[in-house]
Amino acid sequence: MGLTRLTAPAGEARPGAPLTPILGQQQIKPADFIAEFHRLSVGYTPGVPLGCRIYKTGANKFTLRVAPPTWTTLFTSAATGRVVTREDVYHLAHYRAMATPTGVATLLGTLKSLGFRLN
């Protein structure tokens, strides 16, 4: 069983470089991967980069796990310059299912460590 990691844009994965060579090394058909990836990434904003873990389970068989966008990606897309509003923070907390006091505190700490400023 092998593990391959890659990043693909939500809802916009297409056959071709660099996706096809990576999948070809694992003997995974790009069409099968793309169909599964699109099915799993349907709830995300199109074009947002998502991390993928592909677990090879047998000949031409695999299991795909899609991770949510990174905090840096989310903050960068929400920020104007390096400033993020409180509304953006709560929206991002709900997006990543962290809408608890502890989750928001963690999110604010991450925001600060990445060099963003809360407005």
PDB file of N, CA and C in Angstrom:
ATOM      1  N   MET A   1       0.843  -1.166   0.000  1.00  0.00           N
ATOM      2  CA  MET A   1       0.000   0.000   0.000  1.00  0.00           C
ATOM      3  C   MET A   1       0.896   1.238   0.000  1.00  0.00           C
ATOM      4  N   GLY A   2       0.680   2.129  -0.962  1.00  0.00           N
ATOM      5  CA  GLY A   2       1.490   3.327  -1.076  1.00  0.00           C
ATOM      6  C   GLY A   2       0.694   4.571  -0.757  1.00  0.00           C
ATOM      7  N   LEU A   3       1.401   5.619  -0.425  1.00  0.00           N
ATOM      8  CA  LEU A   3       0.789   6.898  -0.132  1.00  0.00           C
ATOM      9  C   LEU A   3       1.384   7.942  -1.063  1.00  0.00           C
ATOM     10  N   THR A   4       0.530   8.705  -1.708  1.00  0.00           N
ATOM     11  CA  THR A   4       0.950   9.809  -2.559  1.00  0.00           C
ATOM     12  C   THR A   4       0.216  11.046  -2.095  1.00  0.00           C
ATOM     13  N   ARG A   5       0.937  12.149  -2.000  1.00  0.00           N
ATOM     14  CA  ARG A   5       0.317  13.417  -1.605  1.00  0.00           C
ATOM     15  C   ARG A   5       0.425  14.391  -2.762  1.00  0.00           C
ATOM     16  N   LEU A   6      -0.638  15.144  -2.967  1.00  0.00           N
ATOM     17  CA  LEU A   6      -0.625  16.189  -3.978  1.00  0.00           C
ATOM     18  C   LEU A   6      -1.644  17.244  -3.628  1.00  0.00           C
ATOM     19  N   THR A   7      -1.579  18.366  -4.331  1.00  0.00           N
ATOM     20  CA  THR A   7      -2.522  19.458  -4.141  1.00  0.00           C
ATOM     21  C   THR A   7      -3.226  19.703  -5.456  1.00  0.00           C
ATOM     22  N   ALA A   8      -4.546  19.860  -5.403  1.00  0.00           N
ATOM     23  CA  ALA A   8      -5.331  20.103  -6.616  1.00  0.00           C
ATOM     24  C   ALA A   8      -6.394  21.154  -6.319  1.00  0.00           C
ATOM     25  N   PRO A   9      -6.764  21.946  -7.330  1.00  0.00           N
ATOM     26  CA  PRO A   9      -7.790  22.971  -7.116  1.00  0.00           C
ATOM     27  C   PRO A   9      -9.185  22.355  -7.051  1.00  0.00           C
ATOM     28  N   ALA A  10      -9.957  22.747  -6.062  1.00  0.00           N
ATOM     29  CA  ALA A  10     -11.308  22.205  -5.866  1.00  0.00           C
ATOM     30  C   ALA A  10     -12.156  22.397  -7.114  1.00  0.00           C
ATOM     31  N   GLY A  11     -12.741  21.319  -7.581  1.00  0.00           N
ATOM     32  CA  GLY A  11     -13.644  21.361  -8.722  1.00  0.00           C
ATOM     33  C   GLY A  11     -12.998  21.654 -10.058  1.00  0.00           C
ATOM     34  N   GLU A  12     -11.676  21.781 -10.104  1.00  0.00           N
ATOM     35  CA  GLU A  12     -11.012  22.150 -11.350  1.00  0.00           C
ATOM     36  C   GLU A  12      -9.873  21.216 -11.745  1.00  0.00           C
ATOM     37  N   ALA A  13      -9.801  20.041 -11.143  1.00  0.00           N
ATOM     38  CA  ALA A  13      -8.746  19.092 -11.509  1.00  0.00           C
ATOM     39  C   ALA A  13      -8.964  18.618 -12.938  1.00  0.00           C
ATOM     40  N   ARG A  14      -7.911  18.590 -13.716  1.00  0.00           N
ATOM     41  CA  ARG A  14      -7.962  18.198 -15.118  1.00  0.00           C
ATOM     42  C   ARG A  14      -6.821  17.231 -15.416  1.00  0.00           C
ATOM     43  N   PRO A  15      -7.006  16.333 -16.378  1.00  0.00           N
ATOM     44  CA  PRO A  15      -5.891  15.472 -16.763  1.00  0.00           C
ATOM     45  C   PRO A  15      -4.793  16.302 -17.412  1.00  0.00           C
ATOM     46  N   GLY A  16      -3.577  15.856 -17.254  1.00  0.00           N
ATOM     47  CA  GLY A  16      -2.428  16.570 -17.802  1.00  0.00           C
ATOM     48  C   GLY A  16      -1.402  16.787 -16.711  1.00  0.00           C
ATOM     49  N   ALA A  17      -0.316  17.446 -17.088  1.00  0.00           N
ATOM     50  CA  ALA A  17       0.758  17.690 -16.128  1.00  0.00           C
ATOM     51  C   ALA A  17       0.285  18.678 -15.082  1.00  0.00           C
ATOM     52  N   PRO A  18       0.660  18.574 -13.849  1.00  0.00           N
ATOM     53  CA  PRO A  18       1.489  17.552 -13.228  1.00  0.00           C
ATOM     54  C   PRO A  18       0.700  16.361 -12.689  1.00  0.00           C
ATOM     55  N   LEU A  19      -0.625  16.392 -12.810  1.00  0.00           N
ATOM     56  CA  LEU A  19      -1.479  15.358 -12.219  1.00  0.00           C
ATOM     57  C   LEU A  19      -1.277  13.985 -12.856  1.00  0.00           C
ATOM     58  N   THR A  20      -1.330  13.906 -14.172  1.00  0.00           N
ATOM     59  CA  THR A  20      -1.252  12.618 -14.868  1.00  0.00           C
ATOM     60  C   THR A  20       0.052  11.867 -14.593  1.00  0.00           C
ATOM     61  N   PRO A  21       1.235  12.520 -14.646  1.00  0.00           N
ATOM     62  CA  PRO A  21       2.460  11.772 -14.335  1.00  0.00           C
ATOM     63  C   PRO A  21       2.506  11.241 -12.902  1.00  0.00           C
ATOM     64  N   ILE A  22       2.004  12.037 -11.953  1.00  0.00           N
ATOM     65  CA  ILE A  22       1.999  11.585 -10.558  1.00  0.00           C
ATOM     66  C   ILE A  22       1.112  10.355 -10.392  1.00  0.00           C
ATOM     67  N   LEU A  23      -0.068  10.407 -10.988  1.00  0.00           N
ATOM     68  CA  LEU A  23      -0.989   9.271 -10.892  1.00  0.00           C
ATOM     69  C   LEU A  23      -0.472   8.072 -11.686  1.00  0.00           C
ATOM     70  N   GLY A  24       0.150   8.331 -12.828  1.00  0.00           N
ATOM     71  CA  GLY A  24       0.692   7.251 -13.650  1.00  0.00           C
ATOM     72  C   GLY A  24       1.749   6.442 -12.923  1.00  0.00           C
ATOM     73  N   GLN A  25       2.566   7.106 -12.105  1.00  0.00           N
ATOM     74  CA  GLN A  25       3.581   6.385 -11.325  1.00  0.00           C
ATOM     75  C   GLN A  25       2.945   5.400 -10.356  1.00  0.00           C
ATOM     76  N   GLN A  26       1.733   5.711  -9.917  1.00  0.00           N
ATOM     77  CA  GLN A  26       1.022   4.836  -8.986  1.00  0.00           C
ATOM     78  C   GLN A  26       0.038   3.904  -9.688  1.00  0.00           C
ATOM     79  N   GLN A  27       0.019   3.953 -11.019  1.00  0.00           N
ATOM     80  CA  GLN A  27      -0.886   3.137 -11.843  1.00  0.00           C
ATOM     81  C   GLN A  27      -2.352   3.396 -11.482  1.00  0.00           C
ATOM     82  N   ILE A  28      -2.673   4.689 -11.349  1.00  0.00           N
ATOM     83  CA  ILE A  28      -4.047   5.113 -11.077  1.00  0.00           C
ATOM     84  C   ILE A  28      -4.538   5.869 -12.300  1.00  0.00           C
ATOM     85  N   LYS A  29      -5.714   5.516 -12.780  1.00  0.00           N
ATOM     86  CA  LYS A  29      -6.269   6.187 -13.948  1.00  0.00           C
ATOM     87  C   LYS A  29      -6.680   7.610 -13.569  1.00  0.00           C
ATOM     88  N   PRO A  30      -6.187   8.610 -14.316  1.00  0.00           N
ATOM     89  CA  PRO A  30      -6.542  10.003 -14.003  1.00  0.00           C
ATOM     90  C   PRO A  30      -8.051  10.245 -13.979  1.00  0.00           C
ATOM     91  N   ALA A  31      -8.790   9.633 -14.882  1.00  0.00           N
ATOM     92  CA  ALA A  31     -10.245   9.843 -14.918  1.00  0.00           C
ATOM     93  C   ALA A  31     -10.903   9.362 -13.625  1.00  0.00           C
ATOM     94  N   ASP A  32     -10.438   8.240 -13.077  1.00  0.00           N
ATOM     95  CA  ASP A  32     -10.987   7.726 -11.816  1.00  0.00           C
ATOM     96  C   ASP A  32     -10.678   8.680 -10.666  1.00  0.00           C
ATOM     97  N   PHE A  33      -9.423   9.164 -10.617  1.00  0.00           N
ATOM     98  CA  PHE A  33      -9.034  10.099  -9.566  1.00  0.00           C
ATOM     99  C   PHE A  33      -9.847  11.383  -9.667  1.00  0.00           C
ATOM    100  N   ILE A  34      -9.950  11.949 -10.867  1.00  0.00           N
ATOM    101  CA  ILE A  34     -10.645  13.219 -11.055  1.00  0.00           C
ATOM    102  C   ILE A  34     -12.115  13.107 -10.658  1.00  0.00           C
ATOM    103  N   ALA A  35     -12.765  12.019 -11.037  1.00  0.00           N
ATOM    104  CA  ALA A  35     -14.172  11.824 -10.674  1.00  0.00           C
ATOM    105  C   ALA A  35     -14.336  11.774  -9.156  1.00  0.00           C
ATOM    106  N   GLU A  36     -13.478  11.031  -8.484  1.00  0.00           N
ATOM    107  CA  GLU A  36     -13.551  10.917  -7.019  1.00  0.00           C
ATOM    108  C   GLU A  36     -13.211  12.242  -6.350  1.00  0.00           C
ATOM    109  N   PHE A  37     -12.189  12.934  -6.861  1.00  0.00           N
ATOM    110  CA  PHE A  37     -11.788  14.218  -6.295  1.00  0.00           C
ATOM    111  C   PHE A  37     -12.920  15.243  -6.417  1.00  0.00           C
ATOM    112  N   HIS A  38     -13.544  15.316  -7.572  1.00  0.00           N
ATOM    113  CA  HIS A  38     -14.642  16.262  -7.763  1.00  0.00           C
ATOM    114  C   HIS A  38     -15.827  15.923  -6.852  1.00  0.00           C
ATOM    115  N   ARG A  39     -16.066  14.651  -6.634  1.00  0.00           N
ATOM    116  CA  ARG A  39     -17.150  14.239  -5.747  1.00  0.00           C
ATOM    117  C   ARG A  39     -16.864  14.684  -4.309  1.00  0.00           C
ATOM    118  N   LEU A  40     -15.608  14.558  -3.879  1.00  0.00           N
ATOM    119  CA  LEU A  40     -15.245  14.904  -2.504  1.00  0.00           C
ATOM    120  C   LEU A  40     -15.031  16.406  -2.290  1.00  0.00           C
ATOM    121  N   SER A  41     -14.780  17.150  -3.348  1.00  0.00           N
ATOM    122  CA  SER A  41     -14.487  18.577  -3.198  1.00  0.00           C
ATOM    123  C   SER A  41     -15.670  19.470  -3.562  1.00  0.00           C
ATOM    124  N   VAL A  42     -16.845  18.893  -3.715  1.00  0.00           N
ATOM    125  CA  VAL A  42     -18.014  19.643  -4.164  1.00  0.00           C
ATOM    126  C   VAL A  42     -18.409  20.767  -3.199  1.00  0.00           C
ATOM    127  N   GLY A  43     -18.138  20.645  -1.926  1.00  0.00           N
ATOM    128  CA  GLY A  43     -18.540  21.660  -0.955  1.00  0.00           C
ATOM    129  C   GLY A  43     -17.580  22.829  -0.821  1.00  0.00           C
ATOM    130  N   TYR A  44     -16.463  22.798  -1.528  1.00  0.00           N
ATOM    131  CA  TYR A  44     -15.461  23.851  -1.420  1.00  0.00           C
ATOM    132  C   TYR A  44     -15.588  24.847  -2.566  1.00  0.00           C
ATOM    133  N   THR A  45     -15.092  26.048  -2.341  1.00  0.00           N
ATOM    134  CA  THR A  45     -15.086  27.083  -3.369  1.00  0.00           C
ATOM    135  C   THR A  45     -14.214  26.616  -4.532  1.00  0.00           C
ATOM    136  N   PRO A  46     -14.729  26.665  -5.764  1.00  0.00           N
ATOM    137  CA  PRO A  46     -13.930  26.220  -6.914  1.00  0.00           C
ATOM    138  C   PRO A  46     -12.603  26.974  -7.011  1.00  0.00           C
ATOM    139  N   GLY A  47     -11.553  26.211  -7.270  1.00  0.00           N
ATOM    140  CA  GLY A  47     -10.230  26.783  -7.437  1.00  0.00           C
ATOM    141  C   GLY A  47      -9.387  26.844  -6.181  1.00  0.00           C
ATOM    142  N   VAL A  48      -9.986  26.654  -5.007  1.00  0.00           N
ATOM    143  CA  VAL A  48      -9.215  26.682  -3.760  1.00  0.00           C
ATOM    144  C   VAL A  48      -8.355  25.427  -3.701  1.00  0.00           C
ATOM    145  N   PRO A  49      -7.038  25.564  -3.449  1.00  0.00           N
ATOM    146  CA  PRO A  49      -6.174  24.383  -3.409  1.00  0.00           C
ATOM    147  C   PRO A  49      -6.481  23.497  -2.203  1.00  0.00           C
ATOM    148  N   LEU A  50      -6.655  22.213  -2.483  1.00  0.00           N
ATOM    149  CA  LEU A  50      -6.942  21.231  -1.435  1.00  0.00           C
ATOM    150  C   LEU A  50      -5.848  20.173  -1.423  1.00  0.00           C
ATOM    151  N   GLY A  51      -5.413  19.802  -0.257  1.00  0.00           N
ATOM    152  CA  GLY A  51      -4.439  18.731  -0.130  1.00  0.00           C
ATOM    153  C   GLY A  51      -5.119  17.380  -0.275  1.00  0.00           C
ATOM    154  N   CYS A  52      -4.451  16.460  -0.951  1.00  0.00           N
ATOM    155  CA  CYS A  52      -5.004  15.119  -1.175  1.00  0.00           C
ATOM    156  C   CYS A  52      -4.001  14.072  -0.711  1.00  0.00           C
ATOM    157  N   ARG A  53      -4.523  13.038  -0.129  1.00  0.00           N
ATOM    158  CA  ARG A  53      -3.727  11.852   0.183  1.00  0.00           C
ATOM    159  C   ARG A  53      -4.356  10.689  -0.560  1.00  0.00           C
ATOM    160  N   ILE A  54      -3.554  10.057  -1.383  1.00  0.00           N
ATOM    161  CA  ILE A  54      -4.023   8.934  -2.185  1.00  0.00           C
ATOM    162  C   ILE A  54      -3.370   7.673  -1.632  1.00  0.00           C
ATOM    163  N   TYR A  55      -4.189   6.776  -1.141  1.00  0.00           N
ATOM    164  CA  TYR A  55      -3.698   5.510  -0.599  1.00  0.00           C
ATOM    165  C   TYR A  55      -3.943   4.428  -1.630  1.00  0.00           C
ATOM    166  N   LYS A  56      -2.887   3.844  -2.128  1.00  0.00           N
ATOM    167  CA  LYS A  56      -2.984   2.760  -3.107  1.00  0.00           C
ATOM    168  C   LYS A  56      -3.382   1.492  -2.362  1.00  0.00           C
ATOM    169  N   THR A  57      -4.513   0.879  -2.746  1.00  0.00           N
ATOM    170  CA  THR A  57      -5.020  -0.295  -2.030  1.00  0.00           C
ATOM    171  C   THR A  57      -4.934  -1.582  -2.836  1.00  0.00           C
ATOM    172  N   GLY A  58      -4.602  -1.491  -4.099  1.00  0.00           N
ATOM    173  CA  GLY A  58      -4.496  -2.670  -4.942  1.00  0.00           C
ATOM    174  C   GLY A  58      -4.280  -2.248  -6.380  1.00  0.00           C
ATOM    175  N   ALA A  59      -4.347  -3.207  -7.278  1.00  0.00           N
ATOM    176  CA  ALA A  59      -4.170  -2.915  -8.695  1.00  0.00           C
ATOM    177  C   ALA A  59      -5.273  -1.970  -9.169  1.00  0.00           C
ATOM    178  N   ASN A  60      -4.895  -0.770  -9.568  1.00  0.00           N
ATOM    179  CA  ASN A  60      -5.825   0.258 -10.059  1.00  0.00           C
ATOM    180  C   ASN A  60      -6.882   0.663  -9.034  1.00  0.00           C
ATOM    181  N   LYS A  61      -6.653   0.376  -7.752  1.00  0.00           N
ATOM    182  CA  LYS A  61      -7.607   0.750  -6.702  1.00  0.00           C
ATOM    183  C   LYS A  61      -6.923   1.706  -5.728  1.00  0.00           C
ATOM    184  N   PHE A  62      -7.696   2.668  -5.244  1.00  0.00           N
ATOM    185  CA  PHE A  62      -7.143   3.640  -4.320  1.00  0.00           C
ATOM    186  C   PHE A  62      -8.243   4.211  -3.433  1.00  0.00           C
ATOM    187  N   THR A  63      -7.817   4.809  -2.325  1.00  0.00           N
ATOM    188  CA  THR A  63      -8.701   5.541  -1.444  1.00  0.00           C
ATOM    189  C   THR A  63      -8.185   6.971  -1.416  1.00  0.00           C
ATOM    190  N   LEU A  64      -9.091   7.918  -1.522  1.00  0.00           N
ATOM    191  CA  LEU A  64      -8.707   9.323  -1.574  1.00  0.00           C
ATOM    192  C   LEU A  64      -9.225  10.055  -0.344  1.00  0.00           C
ATOM    193  N   ARG A  65      -8.352  10.814   0.287  1.00  0.00           N
ATOM    194  CA  ARG A  65      -8.730  11.683   1.400  1.00  0.00           C
ATOM    195  C   ARG A  65      -8.410  13.114   0.980  1.00  0.00           C
ATOM    196  N   VAL A  66      -9.384  13.996   1.104  1.00  0.00           N
ATOM    197  CA  VAL A  66      -9.200  15.397   0.740  1.00  0.00           C
ATOM    198  C   VAL A  66      -9.226  16.226   2.011  1.00  0.00           C
ATOM    199  N   ALA A  67      -8.186  17.058   2.196  1.00  0.00           N
ATOM    200  CA  ALA A  67      -8.088  17.926   3.366  1.00  0.00           C
ATOM    201  C   ALA A  67      -8.633  19.314   3.036  1.00  0.00           C
ATOM    202  N   PRO A  68      -9.165  20.015   4.025  1.00  0.00           N
ATOM    203  CA  PRO A  68      -9.646  21.376   3.778  1.00  0.00           C
ATOM    204  C   PRO A  68      -8.482  22.302   3.442  1.00  0.00           C
ATOM    205  N   PRO A  69      -8.776  23.477   2.903  1.00  0.00           N
ATOM    206  CA  PRO A  69      -7.710  24.421   2.582  1.00  0.00           C
ATOM    207  C   PRO A  69      -6.926  24.817   3.829  1.00  0.00           C
ATOM    208  N   THR A  70      -5.672  25.174   3.646  1.00  0.00           N
ATOM    209  CA  THR A  70      -4.840  25.581   4.775  1.00  0.00           C
ATOM    210  C   THR A  70      -5.290  26.945   5.290  1.00  0.00           C
ATOM    211  N   TRP A  71      -4.914  27.249   6.526  1.00  0.00           N
ATOM    212  CA  TRP A  71      -5.261  28.549   7.097  1.00  0.00           C
ATOM    213  C   TRP A  71      -4.650  29.679   6.278  1.00  0.00           C
ATOM    214  N   THR A  72      -3.418  29.504   5.831  1.00  0.00           N
ATOM    215  CA  THR A  72      -2.771  30.548   5.041  1.00  0.00           C
ATOM    216  C   THR A  72      -3.571  30.847   3.786  1.00  0.00           C
ATOM    217  N   THR A  73      -4.046  29.823   3.113  1.00  0.00           N
ATOM    218  CA  THR A  73      -4.862  30.014   1.912  1.00  0.00           C
ATOM    219  C   THR A  73      -6.151  30.745   2.247  1.00  0.00           C
ATOM    220  N   LEU A  74      -6.804  30.341   3.314  1.00  0.00           N
ATOM    221  CA  LEU A  74      -8.065  30.975   3.697  1.00  0.00           C
ATOM    222  C   LEU A  74      -7.867  32.437   4.113  1.00  0.00           C
ATOM    223  N   PHE A  75      -6.838  32.702   4.929  1.00  0.00           N
ATOM    224  CA  PHE A  75      -6.588  34.071   5.351  1.00  0.00           C
ATOM    225  C   PHE A  75      -6.231  34.956   4.172  1.00  0.00           C
ATOM    226  N   THR A  76      -5.389  34.452   3.287  1.00  0.00           N
ATOM    227  CA  THR A  76      -4.965  35.236   2.133  1.00  0.00           C
ATOM    228  C   THR A  76      -6.149  35.572   1.238  1.00  0.00           C
ATOM    229  N   SER A  77      -7.073  34.639   1.075  1.00  0.00           N
ATOM    230  CA  SER A  77      -8.228  34.905   0.230  1.00  0.00           C
ATOM    231  C   SER A  77      -9.213  35.860   0.899  1.00  0.00           C
ATOM    232  N   ALA A  78      -9.238  35.896   2.242  1.00  0.00           N
ATOM    233  CA  ALA A  78     -10.181  36.746   2.960  1.00  0.00           C
ATOM    234  C   ALA A  78      -9.615  38.132   3.264  1.00  0.00           C
ATOM    235  N   ALA A  79      -8.297  38.244   3.303  1.00  0.00           N
ATOM    236  CA  ALA A  79      -7.665  39.476   3.762  1.00  0.00           C
ATOM    237  C   ALA A  79      -7.588  40.536   2.673  1.00  0.00           C
ATOM    238  N   THR A  80      -7.644  41.780   3.132  1.00  0.00           N
ATOM    239  CA  THR A  80      -7.346  42.924   2.290  1.00  0.00           C
ATOM    240  C   THR A  80      -5.982  43.394   2.755  1.00  0.00           C
ATOM    241  N   GLY A  81      -4.970  43.161   1.968  1.00  0.00           N
ATOM    242  CA  GLY A  81      -3.606  43.393   2.440  1.00  0.00           C
ATOM    243  C   GLY A  81      -3.281  42.325   3.461  1.00  0.00           C
ATOM    244  N   ARG A  82      -2.910  42.734   4.667  1.00  0.00           N
ATOM    245  CA  ARG A  82      -2.635  41.781   5.754  1.00  0.00           C
ATOM    246  C   ARG A  82      -3.627  41.976   6.894  1.00  0.00           C
ATOM    247  N   VAL A  83      -4.828  42.510   6.582  1.00  0.00           N
ATOM    248  CA  VAL A  83      -5.835  42.785   7.595  1.00  0.00           C
ATOM    249  C   VAL A  83      -7.043  41.872   7.368  1.00  0.00           C
ATOM    250  N   VAL A  84      -7.496  41.233   8.448  1.00  0.00           N
ATOM    251  CA  VAL A  84      -8.659  40.354   8.400  1.00  0.00           C
ATOM    252  C   VAL A  84      -9.693  40.919   9.374  1.00  0.00           C
ATOM    253  N   THR A  85     -10.944  40.949   8.967  1.00  0.00           N
ATOM    254  CA  THR A  85     -12.002  41.464   9.844  1.00  0.00           C
ATOM    255  C   THR A  85     -12.520  40.361  10.765  1.00  0.00           C
ATOM    256  N   ARG A  86     -13.202  40.758  11.828  1.00  0.00           N
ATOM    257  CA  ARG A  86     -13.807  39.784  12.750  1.00  0.00           C
ATOM    258  C   ARG A  86     -14.830  38.920  12.010  1.00  0.00           C
ATOM    259  N   GLU A  87     -15.564  39.511  11.099  1.00  0.00           N
ATOM    260  CA  GLU A  87     -16.541  38.766  10.312  1.00  0.00           C
ATOM    261  C   GLU A  87     -15.851  37.663   9.500  1.00  0.00           C
ATOM    262  N   ASP A  88     -14.688  37.983   8.925  1.00  0.00           N
ATOM    263  CA  ASP A  88     -13.917  36.978   8.181  1.00  0.00           C
ATOM    264  C   ASP A  88     -13.498  35.830   9.088  1.00  0.00           C
ATOM    265  N   VAL A  89     -13.052  36.157  10.310  1.00  0.00           N
ATOM    266  CA  VAL A  89     -12.606  35.127  11.255  1.00  0.00           C
ATOM    267  C   VAL A  89     -13.749  34.173  11.581  1.00  0.00           C
ATOM    268  N   TYR A  90     -14.928  34.705  11.874  1.00  0.00           N
ATOM    269  CA  TYR A  90     -16.048  33.830  12.208  1.00  0.00           C
ATOM    270  C   TYR A  90     -16.522  33.029  10.993  1.00  0.00           C
ATOM    271  N   HIS A  91     -16.454  33.637   9.815  1.00  0.00           N
ATOM    272  CA  HIS A  91     -16.807  32.902   8.595  1.00  0.00           C
ATOM    273  C   HIS A  91     -15.836  31.743   8.374  1.00  0.00           C
ATOM    274  N   LEU A  92     -14.537  32.009   8.546  1.00  0.00           N
ATOM    275  CA  LEU A  92     -13.534  30.959   8.370  1.00  0.00           C
ATOM    276  C   LEU A  92     -13.669  29.875   9.434  1.00  0.00           C
ATOM    277  N   ALA A  93     -14.015  30.267  10.652  1.00  0.00           N
ATOM    278  CA  ALA A  93     -14.207  29.278  11.721  1.00  0.00           C
ATOM    279  C   ALA A  93     -15.348  28.327  11.367  1.00  0.00           C
ATOM    280  N   HIS A  94     -16.434  28.852  10.825  1.00  0.00           N
ATOM    281  CA  HIS A  94     -17.545  27.996  10.404  1.00  0.00           C
ATOM    282  C   HIS A  94     -17.148  27.136   9.210  1.00  0.00           C
ATOM    283  N   TYR A  95     -16.356  27.700   8.297  1.00  0.00           N
ATOM    284  CA  TYR A  95     -15.915  26.971   7.102  1.00  0.00           C
ATOM    285  C   TYR A  95     -15.089  25.750   7.483  1.00  0.00           C
ATOM    286  N   ARG A  96     -14.239  25.895   8.500  1.00  0.00           N
ATOM    287  CA  ARG A  96     -13.390  24.788   8.945  1.00  0.00           C
ATOM    288  C   ARG A  96     -13.981  24.061  10.143  1.00  0.00           C
ATOM    289  N   ALA A  97     -15.259  24.296  10.469  1.00  0.00           N
ATOM    290  CA  ALA A  97     -15.958  23.632  11.577  1.00  0.00           C
ATOM    291  C   ALA A  97     -15.232  23.822  12.902  1.00  0.00           C
ATOM    292  N   MET A  98     -14.783  25.057  13.157  1.00  0.00           N
ATOM    293  CA  MET A  98     -14.106  25.380  14.409  1.00  0.00           C
ATOM    294  C   MET A  98     -14.831  26.508  15.134  1.00  0.00           C
ATOM    295  N   ALA A  99     -16.146  26.596  14.978  1.00  0.00           N
ATOM    296  CA  ALA A  99     -16.917  27.696  15.549  1.00  0.00           C
ATOM    297  C   ALA A  99     -17.215  27.471  17.025  1.00  0.00           C
ATOM    298  N   THR A 100     -16.170  27.231  17.797  1.00  0.00           N
ATOM    299  CA  THR A 100     -16.278  27.124  19.246  1.00  0.00           C
ATOM    300  C   THR A 100     -15.339  28.174  19.837  1.00  0.00           C
ATOM    301  N   PRO A 101     -15.500  28.540  21.096  1.00  0.00           N
ATOM    302  CA  PRO A 101     -14.570  29.520  21.676  1.00  0.00           C
ATOM    303  C   PRO A 101     -13.104  29.085  21.564  1.00  0.00           C
ATOM    304  N   THR A 102     -12.824  27.814  21.816  1.00  0.00           N
ATOM    305  CA  THR A 102     -11.460  27.314  21.704  1.00  0.00           C
ATOM    306  C   THR A 102     -10.985  27.354  20.255  1.00  0.00           C
ATOM    307  N   GLY A 103     -11.855  26.961  19.331  1.00  0.00           N
ATOM    308  CA  GLY A 103     -11.491  26.977  17.916  1.00  0.00           C
ATOM    309  C   GLY A 103     -11.195  28.373  17.412  1.00  0.00           C
ATOM    310  N   VAL A 104     -12.007  29.352  17.829  1.00  0.00           N
ATOM    311  CA  VAL A 104     -11.789  30.743  17.417  1.00  0.00           C
ATOM    312  C   VAL A 104     -10.489  31.270  18.028  1.00  0.00           C
ATOM    313  N   ALA A 105     -10.209  30.918  19.289  1.00  0.00           N
ATOM    314  CA  ALA A 105      -8.960  31.342  19.925  1.00  0.00           C
ATOM    315  C   ALA A 105      -7.756  30.773  19.171  1.00  0.00           C
ATOM    316  N   THR A 106      -7.837  29.516  18.774  1.00  0.00           N
ATOM    317  CA  THR A 106      -6.779  28.891  17.984  1.00  0.00           C
ATOM    318  C   THR A 106      -6.624  29.610  16.649  1.00  0.00           C
ATOM    319  N   LEU A 107      -7.732  29.908  16.028  1.00  0.00           N
ATOM    320  CA  LEU A 107      -7.729  30.606  14.749  1.00  0.00           C
ATOM    321  C   LEU A 107      -7.086  31.986  14.882  1.00  0.00           C
ATOM    322  N   LEU A 108      -7.399  32.719  15.955  1.00  0.00           N
ATOM    323  CA  LEU A 108      -6.806  34.040  16.168  1.00  0.00           C
ATOM    324  C   LEU A 108      -5.300  33.940  16.405  1.00  0.00           C
ATOM    325  N   GLY A 109      -4.862  32.918  17.126  1.00  0.00           N
ATOM    326  CA  GLY A 109      -3.428  32.708  17.336  1.00  0.00           C
ATOM    327  C   GLY A 109      -2.717  32.403  16.034  1.00  0.00           C
ATOM    328  N   THR A 110      -3.333  31.586  15.195  1.00  0.00           N
ATOM    329  CA  THR A 110      -2.758  31.263  13.891  1.00  0.00           C
ATOM    330  C   THR A 110      -2.689  32.507  13.024  1.00  0.00           C
ATOM    331  N   LEU A 111      -3.733  33.302  13.063  1.00  0.00           N
ATOM    332  CA  LEU A 111      -3.786  34.553  12.315  1.00  0.00           C
ATOM    333  C   LEU A 111      -2.600  35.445  12.693  1.00  0.00           C
ATOM    334  N   LYS A 112      -2.363  35.581  13.986  1.00  0.00           N
ATOM    335  CA  LYS A 112      -1.264  36.427  14.468  1.00  0.00           C
ATOM    336  C   LYS A 112       0.085  35.858  14.049  1.00  0.00           C
ATOM    337  N   SER A 113       0.272  34.552  14.193  1.00  0.00           N
ATOM    338  CA  SER A 113       1.568  33.939  13.865  1.00  0.00           C
ATOM    339  C   SER A 113       1.886  34.006  12.370  1.00  0.00           C
ATOM    340  N   LEU A 114       0.857  34.106  11.535  1.00  0.00           N
ATOM    341  CA  LEU A 114       1.078  34.220  10.090  1.00  0.00           C
ATOM    342  C   LEU A 114       1.297  35.663   9.650  1.00  0.00           C
ATOM    343  N   GLY A 115       1.239  36.601  10.601  1.00  0.00           N
ATOM    344  CA  GLY A 115       1.530  37.992  10.287  1.00  0.00           C
ATOM    345  C   GLY A 115       0.328  38.806   9.848  1.00  0.00           C
ATOM    346  N   PHE A 116      -0.871  38.307  10.082  1.00  0.00           N
ATOM    347  CA  PHE A 116      -2.079  39.057   9.735  1.00  0.00           C
ATOM    348  C   PHE A 116      -2.511  39.886  10.943  1.00  0.00           C
ATOM    349  N   ARG A 117      -3.264  40.932  10.679  1.00  0.00           N
ATOM    350  CA  ARG A 117      -3.742  41.818  11.731  1.00  0.00           C
ATOM    351  C   ARG A 117      -5.266  41.779  11.727  1.00  0.00           C
ATOM    352  N   LEU A 118      -5.838  41.723  12.917  1.00  0.00           N
ATOM    353  CA  LEU A 118      -7.297  41.702  13.055  1.00  0.00           C
ATOM    354  C   LEU A 118      -7.809  43.132  13.112  1.00  0.00           C
ATOM    355  N   ASN A 119      -8.793  43.424  12.301  1.00  0.00           N
ATOM    356  CA  ASN A 119      -9.375  44.766  12.268  1.00  0.00           C
ATOM    357  C   ASN A 119     -10.759  44.737  12.866  1.00  0.00           C
TER     358      ASN A 119
END
